[in-house]
Every structure is written in C-alpha cells, then in structure tokens.
Amino acid sequence: MGGDTRIRKVIFPVARRDTRFLPASKAIPKEMMPVLDRPIIQYAVEEARAAGCEKFIFVGATDQAALEAHFDPSAALEQRLTESRAGEPEEGLAAALKAAEIPSGDAIFIRQHEVRGIGHALLCARDLIGDEPFAVILPDDMILAERPVLAQMVRRYQDCEGALVAGIEVPRERVSRYGIMRIEDDGGDIVRVTELQEKPHGDDVSSNFSITGRYILPPQLFDALAAATPDQDGRIQLTDALTGLVDTVGVQGFRYQGERFDCGTALGFVQATVAYAALRPELAPSLKTYLRRFLERAE
C-alpha cells in the first residue's frame, strides 16, 4: 500500500446512558465507570496514543461534561498533590493526572442528538476526518495485550488496502451478540473478508469470526454510511456500510494478540477489573490470595 499510512485521527463513539448499568449510569456516562483507578474511556485514549493518534474525536450524548472534565488539565489539584507532605504517592497521582490530559485542540467533542447507531456517530465526524484513513475504538471492548491492539493494526495496515477490522473467533452459541465476518482464512493474521453480518441468528450464521471494537477505516466509508439503509430501529449499522466496501476498496480482518473483555456487560466489566488488577504489583498478591480463598468457599 503506497503513500502515507499514518493514522492521525481516532473516533470514539460514546453512548448515552446504558440501562444495563443502572443505577450507576444514571448520573455518569458508562465510559466514565472505572476499571481500577481509570475510567474505561481513558484506557481507550491511551491505546490510541500508543498507536500514534494525535486527534481524539468523541461523538455521543448531548451531555459530555464528565468526559470533557476528565481530559481537561487540573492545575490546582496537580499542584496540591505535588506539594503534599505525604510524599511519593501524591506525586505519583499528580503524574497520573497529567498523563490523562489531552492537549488543547486535540480533543473534539461532537453532539449526537439522535440515537441512530455507530454508523451515524461516525457520519457526525465526517468533516473532521477529511480524505485520510482513520481509527475507531469502541471503549466497551477492553483488550489486555502486550502490544496495544490498535498499534498492532497500524503496524500491519501498510500491507493492506481499504478497511482493517479487528476480529476473534467466538463460540458459535454467542455469535448472535456480535457483528460477524465471513473470511477467506489462510491462517495468517490478516484475512480477506467476503461478507459481514450484524448479530446473525440461526441459519443466517456464516462464521464465528467476531468483530472486535477496533477499526482502521478509509474515507470512502462515509459515502457508504450515507447510502446505507437504516435498520428497523432507525440505526445506521457500520457493518452494513462495510459490506458496501467489500467489492470496492476491500475489507480485511485482523487477528489480534490479546484478551478481550466486553465491558458492555456486567460480567465482562468484572472480568476486566480482576485481570487488570492482577497485573498491578501492589494488588496482585493479596488479590490472588483472596480469589483462592473465595473459590474454595464457593465450592
């Protein structure tokens, strides 16, 4: 693939309040719920940074004040922590706060006034993307990986054309929960996609290669989104638009290295919390001891 393949811009579709997390999500966006000491959305932003992204576009609810405040500087709080007599822990917190900031002009918040799906959210950002490939991260999908998944994809995108979509095999009984890609499988990490389906059921299931919420997409996607027919709920499905690219610019699936947690569910959220805590030296020993005891009691 010739030319500049840098991915400078990333879109985060951020949902309205999610009924699956009520009452917690009544007052705060689901993306602001913490896994340990960081909200879900910060893990997504850090992954985008690691992949070289420079512009961070958040599209979603009309009230994004909590998101904006989280990524804004907090000079007074940072100074108070730095000057605290308690020592290193507070200095570490000040550094963590600083790391969460997005520089002025690099974070853009777009209001999506109608609930019309991920495809519509991306269309809202069309004028900000221009004529270059861009990334999309769905924050609900947290992926624990030695090398962040979007960075894995950017590294391989130079060998691709069109769209690159992260995917992983899931049990057949769970395919109705995800977007699914039918692929021509040669066993490699990049596979050709021949068809996409949104949450297929029964005889309609063509594959168990599930879409994970990481994409590198060409600007041609926007015309496909604009031409897509909304589903019965009035939503513009990203999978439908990607289907329109299969025979034009092409769609490839990417087998990533990492463990996915579906934080759109309570179980996935708990699993992610445990997995990330197990990697923290100050938490892991006590956590493992507790889990062993808990499981022994449960049995």
C-alpha atoms as a PDB file:
ATOM      1  CA  MET A   1       0.000   0.000   0.000  1.00  0.00           C
ATOM      2  CA  GLY A   2       1.634   3.209  -1.093  1.00  0.00           C
ATOM      3  CA  GLY A   3       1.651   6.693   0.388  1.00  0.00           C
ATOM      4  CA  ASP A   4       1.362   7.908   3.960  1.00  0.00           C
ATOM      5  CA  THR A   5      -0.419   5.283   6.069  1.00  0.00           C
ATOM      6  CA  ARG A   6      -0.171   7.104   9.402  1.00  0.00           C
ATOM      7  CA  ILE A   7      -3.363   7.058  11.423  1.00  0.00           C
ATOM      8  CA  ARG A   8      -3.586  10.512  12.978  1.00  0.00           C
ATOM      9  CA  LYS A   9      -7.254  10.680  13.967  1.00  0.00           C
ATOM     10  CA  VAL A  10      -9.423   8.396  16.067  1.00  0.00           C
ATOM     11  CA  ILE A  11     -13.158   8.443  16.731  1.00  0.00           C
ATOM     12  CA  PHE A  12     -14.681   7.209  19.981  1.00  0.00           C
ATOM     13  CA  PRO A  13     -18.456   6.631  19.755  1.00  0.00           C
ATOM     14  CA  VAL A  14     -19.532   7.247  23.349  1.00  0.00           C
ATOM     15  CA  ALA A  15     -23.008   6.035  24.202  1.00  0.00           C
ATOM     16  CA  ARG A  16     -25.854   7.604  26.067  1.00  0.00           C
ATOM     17  CA  ARG A  17     -26.813   6.180  29.445  1.00  0.00           C
ATOM     18  CA  ASP A  18     -26.825   2.374  29.344  1.00  0.00           C
ATOM     19  CA  THR A  19     -29.752   0.666  31.072  1.00  0.00           C
ATOM     20  CA  ARG A  20     -27.614  -2.409  31.767  1.00  0.00           C
ATOM     21  CA  PHE A  21     -25.591  -0.383  34.266  1.00  0.00           C
ATOM     22  CA  LEU A  22     -28.384   1.435  36.036  1.00  0.00           C
ATOM     23  CA  PRO A  23     -28.459   2.962  38.550  1.00  0.00           C
ATOM     24  CA  ALA A  24     -24.680   3.591  38.213  1.00  0.00           C
ATOM     25  CA  SER A  25     -25.082   5.017  34.698  1.00  0.00           C
ATOM     26  CA  LYS A  26     -27.897   7.360  35.717  1.00  0.00           C
ATOM     27  CA  ALA A  27     -25.502  10.145  36.670  1.00  0.00           C
ATOM     28  CA  ILE A  28     -22.350   9.371  34.675  1.00  0.00           C
ATOM     29  CA  PRO A  29     -21.645   8.045  31.174  1.00  0.00           C
ATOM     30  CA  LYS A  30     -20.861   4.342  31.120  1.00  0.00           C
ATOM     31  CA  GLU A  31     -17.453   5.149  29.604  1.00  0.00           C
ATOM     32  CA  MET A  32     -16.581   7.033  32.800  1.00  0.00           C
ATOM     33  CA  MET A  33     -17.063   3.978  35.015  1.00  0.00           C
ATOM     34  CA  PRO A  34     -13.653   2.980  36.432  1.00  0.00           C
ATOM     35  CA  VAL A  35     -11.671  -0.196  35.976  1.00  0.00           C
ATOM     36  CA  LEU A  36      -9.379   0.205  38.979  1.00  0.00           C
ATOM     37  CA  ASP A  37      -8.299   3.863  39.061  1.00  0.00           C
ATOM     38  CA  ARG A  38      -9.038   4.879  35.469  1.00  0.00           C
ATOM     39  CA  PRO A  39     -12.314   5.183  33.575  1.00  0.00           C
ATOM     40  CA  ILE A  40     -12.874   2.883  30.613  1.00  0.00           C
ATOM     41  CA  ILE A  41     -12.526   5.754  28.145  1.00  0.00           C
ATOM     42  CA  GLN A  42      -9.012   6.569  29.375  1.00  0.00           C
ATOM     43  CA  TYR A  43      -7.801   3.065  28.529  1.00  0.00           C
ATOM     44  CA  ALA A  44      -9.139   3.632  25.001  1.00  0.00           C
ATOM     45  CA  VAL A  45      -7.392   7.008  24.678  1.00  0.00           C
ATOM     46  CA  GLU A  46      -4.113   5.540  25.918  1.00  0.00           C
ATOM     47  CA  GLU A  47      -4.376   2.780  23.330  1.00  0.00           C
ATOM     48  CA  ALA A  48      -4.921   5.351  20.580  1.00  0.00           C
ATOM     49  CA  ARG A  49      -1.923   7.357  21.757  1.00  0.00           C
ATOM     50  CA  ALA A  50       0.257   4.254  21.698  1.00  0.00           C
ATOM     51  CA  ALA A  51      -0.756   3.778  18.059  1.00  0.00           C
ATOM     52  CA  GLY A  52       0.345   7.307  17.127  1.00  0.00           C
ATOM     53  CA  CYS A  53      -3.026   9.061  17.031  1.00  0.00           C
ATOM     54  CA  GLU A  54      -2.939  12.814  17.544  1.00  0.00           C
ATOM     55  CA  LYS A  55      -6.569  13.953  17.285  1.00  0.00           C
ATOM     56  CA  PHE A  56      -9.228  12.434  19.554  1.00  0.00           C
ATOM     57  CA  ILE A  57     -12.847  12.800  18.453  1.00  0.00           C
ATOM     58  CA  PHE A  58     -15.631  11.876  20.893  1.00  0.00           C
ATOM     59  CA  VAL A  59     -19.126  11.502  19.416  1.00  0.00           C
ATOM     60  CA  GLY A  60     -22.132  10.816  21.553  1.00  0.00           C
ATOM     61  CA  ALA A  61     -24.534  12.076  24.162  1.00  0.00           C
ATOM     62  CA  THR A  62     -25.645  15.676  24.398  1.00  0.00           C
ATOM     63  CA  ASP A  63     -24.175  15.854  27.911  1.00  0.00           C
ATOM     64  CA  GLN A  64     -20.456  15.063  27.766  1.00  0.00           C
ATOM     65  CA  ALA A  65     -19.377  17.323  30.624  1.00  0.00           C
ATOM     66  CA  ALA A  66     -17.860  14.462  32.645  1.00  0.00           C
ATOM     67  CA  LEU A  67     -15.790  13.291  29.682  1.00  0.00           C
ATOM     68  CA  GLU A  68     -14.560  16.792  28.906  1.00  0.00           C
ATOM     69  CA  ALA A  69     -13.668  17.474  32.525  1.00  0.00           C
ATOM     70  CA  HIS A  70     -11.720  14.226  32.820  1.00  0.00           C
ATOM     71  CA  PHE A  71      -9.356  15.072  29.971  1.00  0.00           C
ATOM     72  CA  ASP A  72      -9.010  18.763  30.880  1.00  0.00           C
ATOM     73  CA  PRO A  73      -5.981  19.980  32.881  1.00  0.00           C
ATOM     74  CA  SER A  74      -6.430  20.264  36.629  1.00  0.00           C
ATOM     75  CA  ALA A  75      -3.553  22.519  37.598  1.00  0.00           C
ATOM     76  CA  ALA A  76      -4.760  23.282  41.126  1.00  0.00           C
ATOM     77  CA  LEU A  77      -5.228  19.613  42.011  1.00  0.00           C
ATOM     78  CA  GLU A  78      -1.890  18.633  40.467  1.00  0.00           C
ATOM     79  CA  GLN A  79      -0.096  21.363  42.418  1.00  0.00           C
ATOM     80  CA  ARG A  80      -1.770  20.357  45.671  1.00  0.00           C
ATOM     81  CA  LEU A  81      -0.721  16.737  45.200  1.00  0.00           C
ATOM     82  CA  THR A  82       2.834  17.679  44.250  1.00  0.00           C
ATOM     83  CA  GLU A  83       3.250  19.922  47.275  1.00  0.00           C
ATOM     84  CA  SER A  84       1.732  17.448  49.722  1.00  0.00           C
ATOM     85  CA  ARG A  85       3.988  16.420  52.592  1.00  0.00           C
ATOM     86  CA  ALA A  86       2.792  12.839  52.340  1.00  0.00           C
ATOM     87  CA  GLY A  87       5.413  12.200  49.662  1.00  0.00           C
ATOM     88  CA  GLU A  88       5.684   9.854  46.703  1.00  0.00           C
ATOM     89  CA  PRO A  89       2.092   8.523  46.420  1.00  0.00           C
ATOM     90  CA  GLU A  90       0.750  12.033  45.887  1.00  0.00           C
ATOM     91  CA  GLU A  91       3.493  12.839  43.391  1.00  0.00           C
ATOM     92  CA  GLY A  92       2.570   9.690  41.515  1.00  0.00           C
ATOM     93  CA  LEU A  93      -1.069  10.753  41.483  1.00  0.00           C
ATOM     94  CA  ALA A  94      -0.103  14.151  40.096  1.00  0.00           C
ATOM     95  CA  ALA A  95       1.808  12.464  37.286  1.00  0.00           C
ATOM     96  CA  ALA A  96      -1.158  10.171  36.598  1.00  0.00           C
ATOM     97  CA  LEU A  97      -3.485  13.162  36.347  1.00  0.00           C
ATOM     98  CA  LYS A  98      -1.092  14.882  33.956  1.00  0.00           C
ATOM     99  CA  ALA A  99      -0.888  11.765  31.786  1.00  0.00           C
ATOM    100  CA  ALA A 100      -4.676  11.712  31.446  1.00  0.00           C
ATOM    101  CA  GLU A 101      -4.797  15.189  29.901  1.00  0.00           C
ATOM    102  CA  ILE A 102      -5.325  15.757  26.189  1.00  0.00           C
ATOM    103  CA  PRO A 103      -3.544  18.891  24.885  1.00  0.00           C
ATOM    104  CA  SER A 104      -5.620  21.883  23.872  1.00  0.00           C
ATOM    105  CA  GLY A 105      -7.140  21.471  20.429  1.00  0.00           C
ATOM    106  CA  ASP A 106      -6.524  17.724  20.227  1.00  0.00           C
ATOM    107  CA  ALA A 107      -9.808  16.652  21.858  1.00  0.00           C
ATOM    108  CA  ILE A 108     -13.018  17.335  19.946  1.00  0.00           C
ATOM    109  CA  PHE A 109     -16.479  16.605  21.369  1.00  0.00           C
ATOM    110  CA  ILE A 110     -19.378  16.241  18.950  1.00  0.00           C
ATOM    111  CA  ARG A 111     -23.026  16.047  19.989  1.00  0.00           C
ATOM    112  CA  GLN A 112     -25.081  13.198  18.515  1.00  0.00           C
ATOM    113  CA  HIS A 113     -28.610  14.417  19.118  1.00  0.00           C
ATOM    114  CA  GLU A 114     -30.297  11.247  17.870  1.00  0.00           C
ATOM    115  CA  VAL A 115     -29.668   7.646  18.921  1.00  0.00           C
ATOM    116  CA  ARG A 116     -29.040   6.247  15.450  1.00  0.00           C
ATOM    117  CA  GLY A 117     -26.182   3.820  15.903  1.00  0.00           C
ATOM    118  CA  ILE A 118     -22.415   3.752  15.476  1.00  0.00           C
ATOM    119  CA  GLY A 119     -22.664   4.439  11.751  1.00  0.00           C
ATOM    120  CA  HIS A 120     -24.491   7.691  12.391  1.00  0.00           C
ATOM    121  CA  ALA A 121     -21.955   8.638  15.074  1.00  0.00           C
ATOM    122  CA  LEU A 122     -19.134   8.272  12.543  1.00  0.00           C
ATOM    123  CA  LEU A 123     -21.032  10.358   9.985  1.00  0.00           C
ATOM    124  CA  CYS A 124     -21.225  13.162  12.552  1.00  0.00           C
ATOM    125  CA  ALA A 125     -17.404  13.348  12.421  1.00  0.00           C
ATOM    126  CA  ARG A 126     -17.075  13.226   8.640  1.00  0.00           C
ATOM    127  CA  ASP A 127     -15.953  16.827   8.155  1.00  0.00           C
ATOM    128  CA  LEU A 128     -13.214  16.411  10.773  1.00  0.00           C
ATOM    129  CA  ILE A 129     -11.639  13.380   9.095  1.00  0.00           C
ATOM    130  CA  GLY A 130     -11.176  14.631   5.564  1.00  0.00           C
ATOM    131  CA  ASP A 131      -9.565  12.424   2.929  1.00  0.00           C
ATOM    132  CA  GLU A 132      -7.424  10.153   5.080  1.00  0.00           C
ATOM    133  CA  PRO A 133      -7.774   6.806   6.846  1.00  0.00           C
ATOM    134  CA  PHE A 134      -8.795   6.966  10.496  1.00  0.00           C
ATOM    135  CA  ALA A 135      -9.237   4.726  13.508  1.00  0.00           C
ATOM    136  CA  VAL A 136     -12.329   3.862  15.527  1.00  0.00           C
ATOM    137  CA  ILE A 137     -12.243   2.457  19.049  1.00  0.00           C
ATOM    138  CA  LEU A 138     -15.353   1.222  20.839  1.00  0.00           C
ATOM    139  CA  PRO A 139     -14.448   1.752  24.511  1.00  0.00           C
ATOM    140  CA  ASP A 140     -16.729  -1.079  25.696  1.00  0.00           C
ATOM    141  CA  ASP A 141     -14.239  -3.554  24.234  1.00  0.00           C
ATOM    142  CA  MET A 142     -11.239  -3.528  26.544  1.00  0.00           C
ATOM    143  CA  ILE A 143      -8.355  -5.661  25.308  1.00  0.00           C
ATOM    144  CA  LEU A 144      -5.476  -6.662  27.526  1.00  0.00           C
ATOM    145  CA  ALA A 145      -2.441  -7.049  25.273  1.00  0.00           C
ATOM    146  CA  GLU A 146       1.334  -6.831  25.499  1.00  0.00           C
ATOM    147  CA  ARG A 147       1.259  -4.500  22.490  1.00  0.00           C
ATOM    148  CA  PRO A 148      -1.953  -2.403  22.284  1.00  0.00           C
ATOM    149  CA  VAL A 149      -4.256  -3.760  19.600  1.00  0.00           C
ATOM    150  CA  LEU A 150      -4.612  -0.548  17.609  1.00  0.00           C
ATOM    151  CA  ALA A 151      -0.815  -0.301  17.488  1.00  0.00           C
ATOM    152  CA  GLN A 152      -0.726  -3.878  16.177  1.00  0.00           C
ATOM    153  CA  MET A 153      -3.186  -2.861  13.460  1.00  0.00           C
ATOM    154  CA  VAL A 154      -1.387   0.333  12.462  1.00  0.00           C
ATOM    155  CA  ARG A 155       1.824  -1.628  12.069  1.00  0.00           C
ATOM    156  CA  ARG A 156       0.141  -4.057   9.652  1.00  0.00           C
ATOM    157  CA  TYR A 157      -2.013  -1.512   7.837  1.00  0.00           C
ATOM    158  CA  GLN A 158       0.814  -0.604   5.493  1.00  0.00           C
ATOM    159  CA  ASP A 159       0.324  -4.048   3.925  1.00  0.00           C
ATOM    160  CA  CYS A 160      -3.440  -3.576   3.478  1.00  0.00           C
ATOM    161  CA  GLU A 161      -5.901  -1.633   1.413  1.00  0.00           C
ATOM    162  CA  GLY A 162      -9.367  -0.429   2.333  1.00  0.00           C
ATOM    163  CA  ALA A 163     -10.670  -1.275   5.795  1.00  0.00           C
ATOM    164  CA  LEU A 164      -8.973  -3.293   8.518  1.00  0.00           C
ATOM    165  CA  VAL A 165     -11.256  -4.722  11.206  1.00  0.00           C
ATOM    166  CA  ALA A 166     -10.108  -6.490  14.386  1.00  0.00           C
ATOM    167  CA  GLY A 167     -11.670  -9.898  14.902  1.00  0.00           C
ATOM    168  CA  ILE A 168     -11.557 -13.023  17.011  1.00  0.00           C
ATOM    169  CA  GLU A 169     -13.241 -16.413  16.931  1.00  0.00           C
ATOM    170  CA  VAL A 170     -16.084 -16.799  19.450  1.00  0.00           C
ATOM    171  CA  PRO A 171     -18.209 -19.849  20.389  1.00  0.00           C
ATOM    172  CA  ARG A 172     -20.991 -20.474  17.863  1.00  0.00           C
ATOM    173  CA  GLU A 173     -23.668 -20.040  20.501  1.00  0.00           C
ATOM    174  CA  ARG A 174     -22.521 -16.457  21.083  1.00  0.00           C
ATOM    175  CA  VAL A 175     -22.372 -15.143  17.507  1.00  0.00           C
ATOM    176  CA  SER A 176     -25.808 -13.512  17.804  1.00  0.00           C
ATOM    177  CA  ARG A 177     -24.283 -10.986  20.232  1.00  0.00           C
ATOM    178  CA  TYR A 178     -21.742  -9.567  17.759  1.00  0.00           C
ATOM    179  CA  GLY A 179     -21.041  -8.392  14.260  1.00  0.00           C
ATOM    180  CA  ILE A 180     -19.656 -11.345  12.297  1.00  0.00           C
ATOM    181  CA  MET A 181     -17.208 -11.535   9.377  1.00  0.00           C
ATOM    182  CA  ARG A 182     -17.117 -14.350   6.828  1.00  0.00           C
ATOM    183  CA  ILE A 183     -13.489 -14.717   5.828  1.00  0.00           C
ATOM    184  CA  GLU A 184     -11.167 -16.490   3.450  1.00  0.00           C
ATOM    185  CA  ASP A 185      -8.863 -17.984   6.052  1.00  0.00           C
ATOM    186  CA  ASP A 186      -5.245 -18.831   5.254  1.00  0.00           C
ATOM    187  CA  GLY A 187      -4.209 -18.950   8.896  1.00  0.00           C
ATOM    188  CA  GLY A 188      -2.466 -15.570   8.853  1.00  0.00           C
ATOM    189  CA  ASP A 189      -3.141 -12.521  10.982  1.00  0.00           C
ATOM    190  CA  ILE A 190      -4.744 -10.653   8.051  1.00  0.00           C
ATOM    191  CA  VAL A 191      -7.643 -12.366   6.281  1.00  0.00           C
ATOM    192  CA  ARG A 192      -9.905 -11.305   3.431  1.00  0.00           C
ATOM    193  CA  VAL A 193     -13.497 -10.523   4.406  1.00  0.00           C
ATOM    194  CA  THR A 194     -16.198 -11.577   1.948  1.00  0.00           C
ATOM    195  CA  GLU A 195     -19.314 -10.769   3.979  1.00  0.00           C
ATOM    196  CA  LEU A 196     -20.366  -9.007   7.194  1.00  0.00           C
ATOM    197  CA  GLN A 197     -23.450  -9.643   9.310  1.00  0.00           C
ATOM    198  CA  GLU A 198     -24.851  -7.779  12.293  1.00  0.00           C
ATOM    199  CA  LYS A 199     -25.852 -10.164  15.112  1.00  0.00           C
ATOM    200  CA  PRO A 200     -26.949 -13.069  12.902  1.00  0.00           C
ATOM    201  CA  HIS A 201     -29.248 -15.816  14.166  1.00  0.00           C
ATOM    202  CA  GLY A 202     -29.881 -19.465  13.299  1.00  0.00           C
ATOM    203  CA  ASP A 203     -29.355 -20.434   9.691  1.00  0.00           C
ATOM    204  CA  ASP A 204     -28.084 -16.931   8.866  1.00  0.00           C
ATOM    205  CA  VAL A 205     -24.822 -17.519  10.732  1.00  0.00           C
ATOM    206  CA  SER A 206     -21.979 -17.689   8.209  1.00  0.00           C
ATOM    207  CA  SER A 207     -18.959 -17.634  10.524  1.00  0.00           C
ATOM    208  CA  ASN A 208     -17.840 -17.326  14.138  1.00  0.00           C
ATOM    209  CA  PHE A 209     -15.181 -14.677  13.409  1.00  0.00           C
ATOM    210  CA  SER A 210     -16.485 -11.823  15.554  1.00  0.00           C
ATOM    211  CA  ILE A 211     -15.820  -8.125  15.066  1.00  0.00           C
ATOM    212  CA  THR A 212     -13.986  -6.530  17.978  1.00  0.00           C
ATOM    213  CA  GLY A 213     -14.301  -2.790  18.525  1.00  0.00           C
ATOM    214  CA  ARG A 214     -11.120  -1.702  16.721  1.00  0.00           C
ATOM    215  CA  TYR A 215     -11.147  -0.437  13.132  1.00  0.00           C
ATOM    216  CA  ILE A 216      -8.922   1.351  10.652  1.00  0.00           C
ATOM    217  CA  LEU A 217     -11.238   2.756   8.007  1.00  0.00           C
ATOM    218  CA  PRO A 218     -10.804   4.534   4.665  1.00  0.00           C
ATOM    219  CA  PRO A 219     -12.551   7.848   3.931  1.00  0.00           C
ATOM    220  CA  GLN A 220     -14.721   6.041   1.341  1.00  0.00           C
ATOM    221  CA  LEU A 221     -16.632   4.634   4.297  1.00  0.00           C
ATOM    222  CA  PHE A 222     -18.542   7.884   4.710  1.00  0.00           C
ATOM    223  CA  ASP A 223     -20.229   7.608   1.311  1.00  0.00           C
ATOM    224  CA  ALA A 224     -21.180   4.033   2.188  1.00  0.00           C
ATOM    225  CA  LEU A 225     -22.625   5.174   5.519  1.00  0.00           C
ATOM    226  CA  ALA A 226     -24.595   7.962   3.862  1.00  0.00           C
ATOM    227  CA  ALA A 227     -26.057   5.447   1.389  1.00  0.00           C
ATOM    228  CA  ALA A 228     -26.811   2.752   3.994  1.00  0.00           C
ATOM    229  CA  THR A 229     -30.440   1.894   4.723  1.00  0.00           C
ATOM    230  CA  PRO A 230     -31.291   2.312   8.421  1.00  0.00           C
ATOM    231  CA  ASP A 231     -32.402  -0.828  10.225  1.00  0.00           C
ATOM    232  CA  GLN A 232     -35.868  -1.318  11.723  1.00  0.00           C
ATOM    233  CA  ASP A 233     -34.886   0.786  14.737  1.00  0.00           C
ATOM    234  CA  GLY A 234     -33.647   3.637  12.556  1.00  0.00           C
ATOM    235  CA  ARG A 235     -29.969   2.914  13.254  1.00  0.00           C
ATOM    236  CA  ILE A 236     -27.224   3.123  10.638  1.00  0.00           C
ATOM    237  CA  GLN A 237     -25.165  -0.031  11.082  1.00  0.00           C
ATOM    238  CA  LEU A 238     -21.429   0.146  10.494  1.00  0.00           C
ATOM    239  CA  THR A 239     -21.434  -3.488   9.339  1.00  0.00           C
ATOM    240  CA  ASP A 240     -23.849  -2.622   6.516  1.00  0.00           C
ATOM    241  CA  ALA A 241     -21.582   0.174   5.296  1.00  0.00           C
ATOM    242  CA  LEU A 242     -18.522  -2.082   5.479  1.00  0.00           C
ATOM    243  CA  THR A 243     -20.365  -4.634   3.347  1.00  0.00           C
ATOM    244  CA  GLY A 244     -20.565  -1.944   0.680  1.00  0.00           C
ATOM    245  CA  LEU A 245     -16.757  -1.682   0.693  1.00  0.00           C
ATOM    246  CA  VAL A 246     -16.058  -5.411   0.284  1.00  0.00           C
ATOM    247  CA  ASP A 247     -16.180  -5.298  -3.517  1.00  0.00           C
ATOM    248  CA  THR A 248     -14.718  -1.797  -3.936  1.00  0.00           C
ATOM    249  CA  VAL A 249     -11.786  -0.833  -1.694  1.00  0.00           C
ATOM    250  CA  GLY A 250     -11.810  -4.149   0.187  1.00  0.00           C
ATOM    251  CA  VAL A 251     -12.197  -5.208   3.822  1.00  0.00           C
ATOM    252  CA  GLN A 252      -9.653  -7.265   5.770  1.00  0.00           C
ATOM    253  CA  GLY A 253      -9.974  -8.889   9.161  1.00  0.00           C
ATOM    254  CA  PHE A 254      -7.119  -8.729  11.655  1.00  0.00           C
ATOM    255  CA  ARG A 255      -6.386 -11.466  14.194  1.00  0.00           C
ATOM    256  CA  TYR A 256      -5.015  -9.541  17.138  1.00  0.00           C
ATOM    257  CA  GLN A 257      -2.972 -10.778  20.075  1.00  0.00           C
ATOM    258  CA  GLY A 258      -4.769 -10.068  23.340  1.00  0.00           C
ATOM    259  CA  GLU A 259      -7.649 -10.931  25.650  1.00  0.00           C
ATOM    260  CA  ARG A 260     -10.933  -9.148  25.082  1.00  0.00           C
ATOM    261  CA  PHE A 261     -13.358  -8.080  27.801  1.00  0.00           C
ATOM    262  CA  ASP A 262     -16.869  -6.990  26.820  1.00  0.00           C
ATOM    263  CA  CYS A 263     -17.380  -4.180  29.319  1.00  0.00           C
ATOM    264  CA  GLY A 264     -20.841  -3.579  27.910  1.00  0.00           C
ATOM    265  CA  THR A 265     -21.857  -6.436  30.213  1.00  0.00           C
ATOM    266  CA  ALA A 266     -21.556  -6.686  33.986  1.00  0.00           C
ATOM    267  CA  LEU A 267     -19.601  -9.950  33.743  1.00  0.00           C
ATOM    268  CA  GLY A 268     -17.103  -8.522  31.259  1.00  0.00           C
ATOM    269  CA  PHE A 269     -16.656  -5.451  33.439  1.00  0.00           C
ATOM    270  CA  VAL A 270     -15.852  -7.582  36.490  1.00  0.00           C
ATOM    271  CA  GLN A 271     -13.518  -9.823  34.495  1.00  0.00           C
ATOM    272  CA  ALA A 272     -11.610  -6.795  33.192  1.00  0.00           C
ATOM    273  CA  THR A 273     -11.253  -5.375  36.697  1.00  0.00           C
ATOM    274  CA  VAL A 274      -9.827  -8.638  38.026  1.00  0.00           C
ATOM    275  CA  ALA A 275      -7.481  -9.119  35.048  1.00  0.00           C
ATOM    276  CA  TYR A 276      -6.047  -5.591  35.195  1.00  0.00           C
ATOM    277  CA  ALA A 277      -5.709  -5.748  38.987  1.00  0.00           C
ATOM    278  CA  ALA A 278      -3.750  -8.993  38.684  1.00  0.00           C
ATOM    279  CA  LEU A 279      -1.095  -7.095  36.724  1.00  0.00           C
ATOM    280  CA  ARG A 280      -0.561  -4.478  39.438  1.00  0.00           C
ATOM    281  CA  PRO A 281       2.345  -5.455  41.724  1.00  0.00           C
ATOM    282  CA  GLU A 282       0.794  -3.717  44.721  1.00  0.00           C
ATOM    283  CA  LEU A 283      -2.524  -5.556  44.263  1.00  0.00           C
ATOM    284  CA  ALA A 284      -1.726  -8.937  42.708  1.00  0.00           C
ATOM    285  CA  PRO A 285      -0.505 -10.937  45.759  1.00  0.00           C
ATOM    286  CA  SER A 286      -3.446 -10.023  48.011  1.00  0.00           C
ATOM    287  CA  LEU A 287      -5.927 -10.357  45.156  1.00  0.00           C
ATOM    288  CA  LYS A 288      -4.744 -13.850  44.252  1.00  0.00           C
ATOM    289  CA  THR A 289      -4.884 -14.945  47.890  1.00  0.00           C
ATOM    290  CA  TYR A 290      -8.416 -13.604  48.218  1.00  0.00           C
ATOM    291  CA  LEU A 291      -9.599 -15.223  44.984  1.00  0.00           C
ATOM    292  CA  ARG A 292      -8.216 -18.616  46.029  1.00  0.00           C
ATOM    293  CA  ARG A 293      -9.997 -18.404  49.367  1.00  0.00           C
ATOM    294  CA  PHE A 294     -13.193 -17.183  47.769  1.00  0.00           C
ATOM    295  CA  LEU A 295     -13.240 -20.032  45.270  1.00  0.00           C
ATOM    296  CA  GLU A 296     -12.549 -22.585  47.973  1.00  0.00           C
ATOM    297  CA  ARG A 297     -15.536 -21.301  49.958  1.00  0.00           C
ATOM    298  CA  ALA A 298     -17.724 -21.223  46.861  1.00  0.00           C
ATOM    299  CA  GLU A 299     -17.000 -24.877  46.141  1.00  0.00           C
END
